[in-house]
Amino acid sequence: MPIGTQGSVKAVEQRELEGIDARIILANTYHLYLRPGLEVLEKAGGLHRFMGWRNAILADSGGYQVFSLSDLRSITEDGVTFHSHIDGSKHQFTPESVVNAGRIMGPDIMMVLDECLDYPADRERALFSVDMTSRWAERSREEFAKTAARYGHEQYLFGIVQGSVYGDLRERSAERLVELDFDGYAIGGLSVGEPLEEMYRMTDVVNAILPEGKPRYLMGVGTPENLLESVERGVDLFDCVLPTRNGRNGQAFSRNGRLTLRNAVYKTDFTPIDPECSCYACRNFTRAYIRHLIQAKEVLALQLVSLHNLTFYLWLMEETRKAIREGTFAAWKSETFARLGRRGNRDVNDSATAPTSTTGRRTTCTVQ
């Protein structure tokens, strides 16, 4: 899901997203609640109409964004009180208020309010967080059942599994959420600095419990390798800012690895970013021209590389679905990894890569 945190995928227009067959994007309740505000979104007829987007939207609860404001918030059983990072004004999110905000915004999928812990988290703190998140999830489910969608389309509510890197706590969280019978389930609290092996291990633990017939969403992930490894473990949905954030830093994803287009090696390279790609950027422009735009700080560079990267990610997921349908996923995955380079991180020319914002926090992939 391309990231449209504030109702816009950075540097990419809605018509361009439709042109590359982006069927769902992610927005963020915390940011849109603060600006432009629920009153504006309600008067506009919901987020779809406000931003002119005809396809699906998933709205994160904004819980992580609130909990990341460690100096500006306090947590109680009722919910979380916080001060806006914009103007310092005081606000409160409760499980119920987040559901009602989702009804006003009108996304197709909304997330429950959860607590996402930093890594590492001690076991006692993680247990407390799991139990509170479970109680919040129950309250969210009850509020969702009591309210109705406003804009003529169905809405769905997803629970979020927490538990840090403790397998038994992940099991505890997943089992409680399954009992509540959500429309889908997210795996949260990963991609926050834990070793990659731990992320995959926790994904395995959770997916052994979550029902196969409902969507599974791994939040804030990730690289092409992360996506394919997680699909193999049973995950259906992902969101990450890497395509657009790296694109704005001049780094392009291709079928043969990454290209850091600001590097001098591309100064007279008159080939497309990816000769096998049919996106607008690859059909019409060369690496040399895009490097020139980057060096000249032209906004068009941000647009072209971001659009190409989103095209690559959507292509990767379409090819994944095709391989699964044809029963060739394991062989295709192995071949794709070989082309992308080890862990999908190799630059085509083995040059220094662009900044990738590897802060180890979930905001790496969920807030632009």
Protein backbone atom coordinates (compact mmCIF):
# COMPACT_ATOMS: atom_id res chain seq x y z
CA MET A 1 0.00 0.00 0.00
CA PRO A 2 1.58 3.31 -1.04
CA ILE A 3 1.78 5.70 1.92
CA GLY A 4 -0.48 8.75 1.84
CA THR A 5 -0.02 9.77 5.47
CA GLN A 6 -1.67 13.18 5.18
CA GLY A 7 -4.04 12.36 2.35
CA SER A 8 -1.34 12.50 -0.31
CA VAL A 9 1.38 10.15 -1.55
CA LYS A 10 4.35 12.49 -1.61
CA ALA A 11 5.38 13.68 -5.10
CA VAL A 12 2.83 11.42 -6.83
CA GLU A 13 -0.59 12.53 -8.07
CA GLN A 14 -3.75 10.48 -7.58
CA ARG A 15 -4.19 10.05 -11.34
CA GLU A 16 -0.67 8.62 -11.53
CA LEU A 17 -1.47 6.15 -8.75
CA GLU A 18 -4.54 5.03 -10.65
CA GLY A 19 -2.42 4.75 -13.80
CA ILE A 20 -0.09 2.22 -12.14
CA ASP A 21 -3.07 0.29 -10.71
CA ALA A 22 -2.64 1.23 -7.05
CA ARG A 23 -5.84 -0.17 -5.58
CA ILE A 24 -5.38 0.86 -1.96
CA ILE A 25 -3.31 3.47 -0.11
CA LEU A 26 -2.60 4.10 3.57
CA ALA A 27 -3.54 7.26 5.45
CA ASN A 28 -2.90 8.19 9.09
CA THR A 29 -5.62 9.12 11.56
CA TYR A 30 -3.30 11.02 13.90
CA HIS A 31 -2.07 13.41 11.23
CA LEU A 32 -5.44 13.92 9.54
CA TYR A 33 -7.18 14.38 12.91
CA LEU A 34 -4.80 17.25 13.67
CA ARG A 35 -4.80 18.69 10.16
CA PRO A 36 -7.12 19.40 8.40
CA GLY A 37 -9.29 18.04 11.23
CA LEU A 38 -12.38 15.85 11.44
CA GLU A 39 -14.78 18.77 10.93
CA VAL A 40 -13.27 19.55 7.54
CA LEU A 41 -13.24 15.89 6.49
CA GLU A 42 -16.87 15.45 7.51
CA LYS A 43 -17.96 18.54 5.58
CA ALA A 44 -16.03 17.29 2.56
CA GLY A 45 -17.95 14.01 2.63
CA GLY A 46 -15.09 11.89 3.88
CA LEU A 47 -11.45 11.39 3.02
CA HIS A 48 -12.06 9.80 -0.39
CA ARG A 49 -13.91 12.87 -1.66
CA PHE A 50 -11.58 15.29 0.11
CA MET A 51 -8.52 13.90 -1.67
CA GLY A 52 -10.22 12.84 -4.90
CA TRP A 53 -9.34 9.16 -4.52
CA ARG A 54 -11.71 6.56 -5.95
CA ASN A 55 -10.01 3.40 -4.71
CA ALA A 56 -9.61 1.94 -1.23
CA ILE A 57 -8.00 3.56 1.82
CA LEU A 58 -6.65 1.95 4.98
CA ALA A 59 -6.33 4.39 7.88
CA ASP A 60 -3.85 3.57 10.63
CA SER A 61 -5.12 4.52 14.09
CA GLY A 62 -2.20 6.89 14.64
CA GLY A 63 -1.43 5.04 17.85
CA TYR A 64 2.25 4.70 17.13
CA GLN A 65 2.58 8.37 16.22
CA VAL A 66 1.04 9.27 19.58
CA PHE A 67 3.20 6.82 21.54
CA SER A 68 6.33 8.13 19.83
CA LEU A 69 5.65 11.50 21.48
CA SER A 70 7.17 10.23 24.73
CA ASP A 71 7.59 13.72 26.17
CA LEU A 72 4.14 14.89 25.06
CA ARG A 73 1.75 12.15 26.15
CA SER A 74 0.45 10.12 29.09
CA ILE A 75 -1.21 6.69 28.98
CA THR A 76 -4.06 5.41 31.15
CA GLU A 77 -6.53 2.56 30.87
CA ASP A 78 -8.95 5.00 29.28
CA GLY A 79 -6.61 5.92 26.44
CA VAL A 80 -3.79 8.31 25.71
CA THR A 81 -3.61 12.07 26.25
CA PHE A 82 -1.14 13.92 24.07
CA HIS A 83 -0.04 17.33 22.87
CA SER A 84 -0.01 18.11 19.16
CA HIS A 85 3.42 18.21 17.56
CA ILE A 86 2.07 21.08 15.42
CA ASP A 87 0.87 23.63 17.97
CA GLY A 88 1.09 21.96 21.38
CA SER A 89 -2.70 21.72 21.83
CA LYS A 90 -3.98 18.96 24.10
CA HIS A 91 -5.97 15.98 22.78
CA GLN A 92 -7.09 12.51 23.82
CA PHE A 93 -7.39 9.28 21.86
CA THR A 94 -9.51 6.49 23.31
CA PRO A 95 -10.44 3.23 21.57
CA GLU A 96 -13.91 4.65 21.05
CA SER A 97 -12.82 8.07 19.77
CA VAL A 98 -10.46 6.50 17.22
CA VAL A 99 -13.30 4.35 15.85
CA ASN A 100 -15.55 7.41 15.65
CA ALA A 101 -12.78 9.34 13.89
CA GLY A 102 -12.62 6.48 11.41
CA ARG A 103 -16.36 6.70 10.81
CA ILE A 104 -16.00 10.43 10.08
CA MET A 105 -12.96 9.99 7.83
CA GLY A 106 -14.58 7.06 6.02
CA PRO A 107 -11.63 4.80 5.10
CA ASP A 108 -12.49 1.33 3.84
CA ILE A 109 -10.31 -0.23 6.57
CA MET A 110 -9.65 1.26 9.99
CA MET A 111 -7.27 0.08 12.70
CA VAL A 112 -7.91 -0.22 16.42
CA LEU A 113 -5.96 1.90 18.89
CA ASP A 114 -2.97 -0.09 20.13
CA GLU A 115 0.25 0.51 22.04
CA CYS A 116 3.42 -0.09 20.06
CA LEU A 117 6.49 -0.51 22.27
CA ASP A 118 10.02 0.46 21.40
CA TYR A 119 12.64 -2.25 21.07
CA PRO A 120 13.94 -3.60 23.33
CA ALA A 121 11.07 -3.84 25.82
CA ASP A 122 11.28 -5.89 29.00
CA ARG A 123 8.86 -8.78 29.36
CA GLU A 124 6.80 -7.28 32.19
CA ARG A 125 6.20 -4.08 30.24
CA ALA A 126 5.35 -6.07 27.11
CA LEU A 127 2.83 -8.20 29.02
CA PHE A 128 1.12 -5.10 30.43
CA SER A 129 0.97 -3.59 26.93
CA VAL A 130 -0.49 -6.75 25.38
CA ASP A 131 -3.24 -6.97 27.98
CA MET A 132 -4.13 -3.28 27.71
CA THR A 133 -4.09 -3.41 23.91
CA SER A 134 -6.42 -6.42 24.07
CA ARG A 135 -8.86 -4.56 26.31
CA TRP A 136 -8.70 -1.56 24.00
CA ALA A 137 -9.39 -3.86 21.05
CA GLU A 138 -12.53 -5.18 22.74
CA ARG A 139 -13.76 -1.65 23.38
CA SER A 140 -13.01 -0.73 19.75
CA ARG A 141 -14.96 -3.74 18.51
CA GLU A 142 -17.96 -2.78 20.65
CA GLU A 143 -17.91 0.84 19.45
CA PHE A 144 -17.59 -0.28 15.84
CA ALA A 145 -20.65 -2.52 16.23
CA LYS A 146 -22.68 0.36 17.68
CA THR A 147 -21.86 2.83 14.89
CA ALA A 148 -22.44 2.86 11.14
CA ALA A 149 -20.54 3.86 8.02
CA ARG A 150 -21.48 7.32 6.75
CA TYR A 151 -20.65 7.56 3.07
CA GLY A 152 -22.37 4.66 1.35
CA HIS A 153 -19.56 2.09 1.41
CA GLU A 154 -18.69 -0.72 3.79
CA GLN A 155 -16.02 -0.25 6.44
CA TYR A 156 -13.89 -2.92 8.09
CA LEU A 157 -12.05 -3.00 11.41
CA PHE A 158 -8.68 -4.73 11.94
CA GLY A 159 -7.16 -5.76 15.27
CA ILE A 160 -3.42 -5.36 15.90
CA VAL A 161 -1.30 -8.11 17.45
CA GLN A 162 1.42 -6.90 19.84
CA GLY A 163 3.91 -8.64 22.15
CA SER A 164 7.36 -7.36 21.19
CA VAL A 165 9.68 -10.35 20.49
CA TYR A 166 8.14 -12.67 23.10
CA GLY A 167 6.53 -15.58 21.29
CA ASP A 168 4.13 -16.53 24.08
CA LEU A 169 2.93 -12.93 24.39
CA ARG A 170 2.37 -12.77 20.64
CA GLU A 171 0.31 -15.95 20.93
CA ARG A 172 -1.66 -14.47 23.84
CA SER A 173 -2.40 -11.30 21.87
CA ALA A 174 -3.35 -13.12 18.66
CA GLU A 175 -5.66 -15.56 20.44
CA ARG A 176 -7.55 -12.76 22.19
CA LEU A 177 -8.02 -10.83 18.95
CA VAL A 178 -9.23 -13.91 17.08
CA GLU A 179 -11.87 -14.38 19.78
CA LEU A 180 -13.14 -10.88 18.97
CA ASP A 181 -13.60 -11.88 15.30
CA PHE A 182 -12.16 -8.83 13.54
CA ASP A 183 -12.48 -8.37 9.79
CA GLY A 184 -8.70 -8.67 9.46
CA TYR A 185 -5.58 -8.71 11.60
CA ALA A 186 -2.39 -6.68 11.66
CA ILE A 187 0.97 -7.66 13.08
CA GLY A 188 2.26 -4.53 14.79
CA GLY A 189 5.27 -3.63 16.88
CA LEU A 190 7.81 -5.07 14.45
CA SER A 191 10.32 -3.29 12.22
CA VAL A 192 11.14 -1.19 15.29
CA GLY A 193 14.81 -2.13 15.60
CA GLU A 194 14.67 -5.84 16.38
CA PRO A 195 16.93 -8.24 14.39
CA LEU A 196 15.41 -9.32 11.09
CA GLU A 197 15.33 -12.93 12.24
CA GLU A 198 13.15 -11.92 15.19
CA MET A 199 10.69 -10.15 12.91
CA TYR A 200 10.33 -13.27 10.80
CA ARG A 201 10.08 -15.51 13.87
CA MET A 202 7.29 -13.41 15.38
CA THR A 203 5.49 -13.38 12.03
CA ASP A 204 5.59 -17.17 11.98
CA VAL A 205 4.27 -17.38 15.54
CA VAL A 206 1.35 -15.05 14.86
CA ASN A 207 0.37 -16.48 11.47
CA ALA A 208 0.10 -19.95 13.01
CA ILE A 209 -2.85 -18.58 15.02
CA LEU A 210 -4.55 -16.00 12.79
CA PRO A 211 -7.36 -17.40 10.61
CA GLU A 212 -6.32 -18.17 7.05
CA GLY A 213 -9.54 -16.81 5.59
CA LYS A 214 -8.98 -13.23 6.77
CA PRO A 215 -6.38 -10.65 5.68
CA ARG A 216 -3.07 -10.44 7.52
CA TYR A 217 -1.24 -7.11 7.49
CA LEU A 218 2.41 -6.72 8.53
CA MET A 219 2.73 -3.06 9.47
CA GLY A 220 5.64 -0.91 8.34
CA VAL A 221 7.46 -3.46 6.15
CA GLY A 222 9.56 -3.12 4.02
CA THR A 223 12.28 -3.96 1.49
CA PRO A 224 11.53 -6.20 -1.50
CA GLU A 225 13.17 -9.07 0.38
CA ASN A 226 11.06 -8.40 3.49
CA LEU A 227 7.90 -8.54 1.41
CA LEU A 228 8.68 -11.84 -0.28
CA GLU A 229 9.89 -13.50 2.91
CA SER A 230 6.73 -12.37 4.69
CA VAL A 231 4.40 -13.44 1.89
CA GLU A 232 5.95 -16.89 2.19
CA ARG A 233 4.99 -16.79 5.88
CA GLY A 234 1.36 -15.97 5.10
CA VAL A 235 1.16 -12.15 5.06
CA ASP A 236 -1.20 -10.41 2.60
CA LEU A 237 -0.82 -6.64 3.14
CA PHE A 238 2.15 -4.31 3.59
CA ASP A 239 2.88 -0.60 3.80
CA CYS A 240 6.23 1.15 3.58
CA VAL A 241 7.63 4.55 2.64
CA LEU A 242 10.78 3.12 1.07
CA PRO A 243 9.52 3.47 -2.53
CA THR A 244 8.73 7.17 -2.15
CA ARG A 245 11.23 8.20 0.52
CA ASN A 246 14.13 6.55 -1.25
CA GLY A 247 12.82 7.93 -4.52
CA ARG A 248 12.98 11.45 -3.14
CA ASN A 249 16.60 10.74 -2.18
CA GLY A 250 17.43 9.65 -5.74
CA GLN A 251 17.48 5.90 -5.17
CA ALA A 252 15.58 3.69 -7.60
CA PHE A 253 14.53 0.06 -7.27
CA SER A 254 14.88 -2.14 -10.34
CA ARG A 255 14.62 -5.79 -11.28
CA ASN A 256 18.41 -6.01 -11.07
CA GLY A 257 19.01 -4.17 -7.81
CA ARG A 258 19.04 -0.58 -6.59
CA LEU A 259 20.45 2.40 -8.42
CA THR A 260 21.67 5.52 -6.64
CA LEU A 261 20.99 7.90 -9.48
CA ARG A 262 22.91 10.85 -8.06
CA ASN A 263 26.17 8.92 -8.56
CA ALA A 264 28.51 10.18 -11.27
CA VAL A 265 28.47 6.84 -13.11
CA TYR A 266 25.03 7.76 -14.47
CA LYS A 267 26.07 11.16 -15.88
CA THR A 268 26.18 9.82 -19.46
CA ASP A 269 24.03 6.72 -18.99
CA PHE A 270 21.28 7.14 -21.56
CA THR A 271 19.35 4.00 -20.67
CA PRO A 272 16.09 3.89 -18.68
CA ILE A 273 16.12 3.36 -14.92
CA ASP A 274 14.93 -0.19 -15.61
CA PRO A 275 14.84 -1.31 -19.27
CA GLU A 276 12.23 -3.95 -18.39
CA CYS A 277 9.86 -1.45 -16.77
CA SER A 278 7.08 0.23 -18.77
CA CYS A 279 6.31 3.07 -16.33
CA TYR A 280 6.18 6.66 -17.58
CA ALA A 281 9.64 7.46 -16.24
CA CYS A 282 11.26 4.47 -17.94
CA ARG A 283 9.42 4.95 -21.23
CA ASN A 284 10.40 8.59 -21.62
CA PHE A 285 13.56 9.47 -19.68
CA THR A 286 17.10 8.26 -19.12
CA ARG A 287 19.22 7.77 -16.04
CA ALA A 288 21.41 10.65 -17.20
CA TYR A 289 18.47 13.04 -17.46
CA ILE A 290 17.05 12.05 -14.07
CA ARG A 291 20.51 12.40 -12.49
CA HIS A 292 20.67 15.90 -13.99
CA LEU A 293 17.30 16.74 -12.41
CA ILE A 294 18.52 15.45 -9.05
CA GLN A 295 21.71 17.49 -9.25
CA ALA A 296 19.71 20.57 -10.29
CA LYS A 297 17.25 19.97 -7.41
CA GLU A 298 14.30 19.88 -9.81
CA VAL A 299 11.05 18.66 -8.27
CA LEU A 300 10.39 16.51 -11.33
CA ALA A 301 13.17 14.16 -10.19
CA LEU A 302 11.28 13.37 -7.00
CA GLN A 303 8.13 12.67 -8.95
CA LEU A 304 9.73 10.42 -11.58
CA VAL A 305 11.78 8.24 -9.25
CA SER A 306 8.95 7.91 -6.72
CA LEU A 307 6.52 6.93 -9.47
CA HIS A 308 8.97 4.38 -10.84
CA ASN A 309 9.60 2.87 -7.40
CA LEU A 310 5.89 2.50 -6.69
CA THR A 311 5.49 0.85 -10.09
CA PHE A 312 8.29 -1.57 -9.18
CA TYR A 313 6.71 -2.48 -5.84
CA LEU A 314 3.27 -3.01 -7.37
CA TRP A 315 4.86 -5.10 -10.15
CA LEU A 316 6.65 -7.19 -7.51
CA MET A 317 3.38 -7.90 -5.72
CA GLU A 318 1.56 -8.72 -8.97
CA GLU A 319 4.32 -11.15 -9.94
CA THR A 320 4.09 -12.64 -6.45
CA ARG A 321 0.37 -13.28 -6.85
CA LYS A 322 0.97 -14.79 -10.29
CA ALA A 323 3.66 -17.13 -8.97
CA ILE A 324 1.41 -18.25 -6.11
CA ARG A 325 -1.46 -18.98 -8.51
CA GLU A 326 0.86 -20.97 -10.78
CA GLY A 327 2.46 -22.89 -7.91
CA THR A 328 5.96 -21.59 -8.73
CA PHE A 329 6.47 -19.15 -5.87
CA ALA A 330 9.51 -20.84 -4.25
CA ALA A 331 11.50 -21.02 -7.49
CA TRP A 332 10.42 -17.52 -8.57
CA LYS A 333 11.38 -16.06 -5.19
CA SER A 334 14.85 -17.62 -5.37
CA GLU A 335 15.39 -16.27 -8.89
CA THR A 336 14.12 -12.82 -7.91
CA PHE A 337 16.46 -12.65 -4.91
CA ALA A 338 19.40 -13.55 -7.14
CA ARG A 339 18.53 -10.70 -9.50
CA LEU A 340 17.95 -8.14 -6.78
CA GLY A 341 21.19 -8.98 -5.02
CA ARG A 342 21.73 -10.38 -1.57
CA ARG A 343 18.90 -9.19 0.71
CA GLY A 344 17.66 -6.99 -2.13
CA ASN A 345 19.99 -4.18 -0.99
CA ARG A 346 22.83 -4.27 -3.50
CA ASP A 347 23.30 -1.15 -5.57
CA VAL A 348 23.65 -1.99 -9.27
CA ASN A 349 27.04 -0.30 -9.43
CA ASP A 350 28.10 -1.15 -5.87
CA SER A 351 28.26 2.58 -5.17
CA ALA A 352 27.35 4.33 -1.93
CA THR A 353 23.60 4.16 -1.55
CA ALA A 354 21.23 6.98 -0.78
CA PRO A 355 19.93 7.50 2.75
CA THR A 356 17.22 4.97 3.56
CA SER A 357 16.11 6.27 6.95
CA THR A 358 17.00 3.08 8.77
CA THR A 359 16.11 4.48 12.15
CA GLY A 360 14.74 1.14 13.28
CA ARG A 361 11.36 2.63 14.19
CA ARG A 362 8.00 1.80 12.74
CA THR A 363 7.76 5.35 11.43
CA THR A 364 10.50 4.39 8.95
CA CYS A 365 7.77 2.83 6.89
CA THR A 366 4.50 4.37 7.98
CA VAL A 367 5.06 8.11 8.07
CA GLN A 368 6.57 10.05 5.19
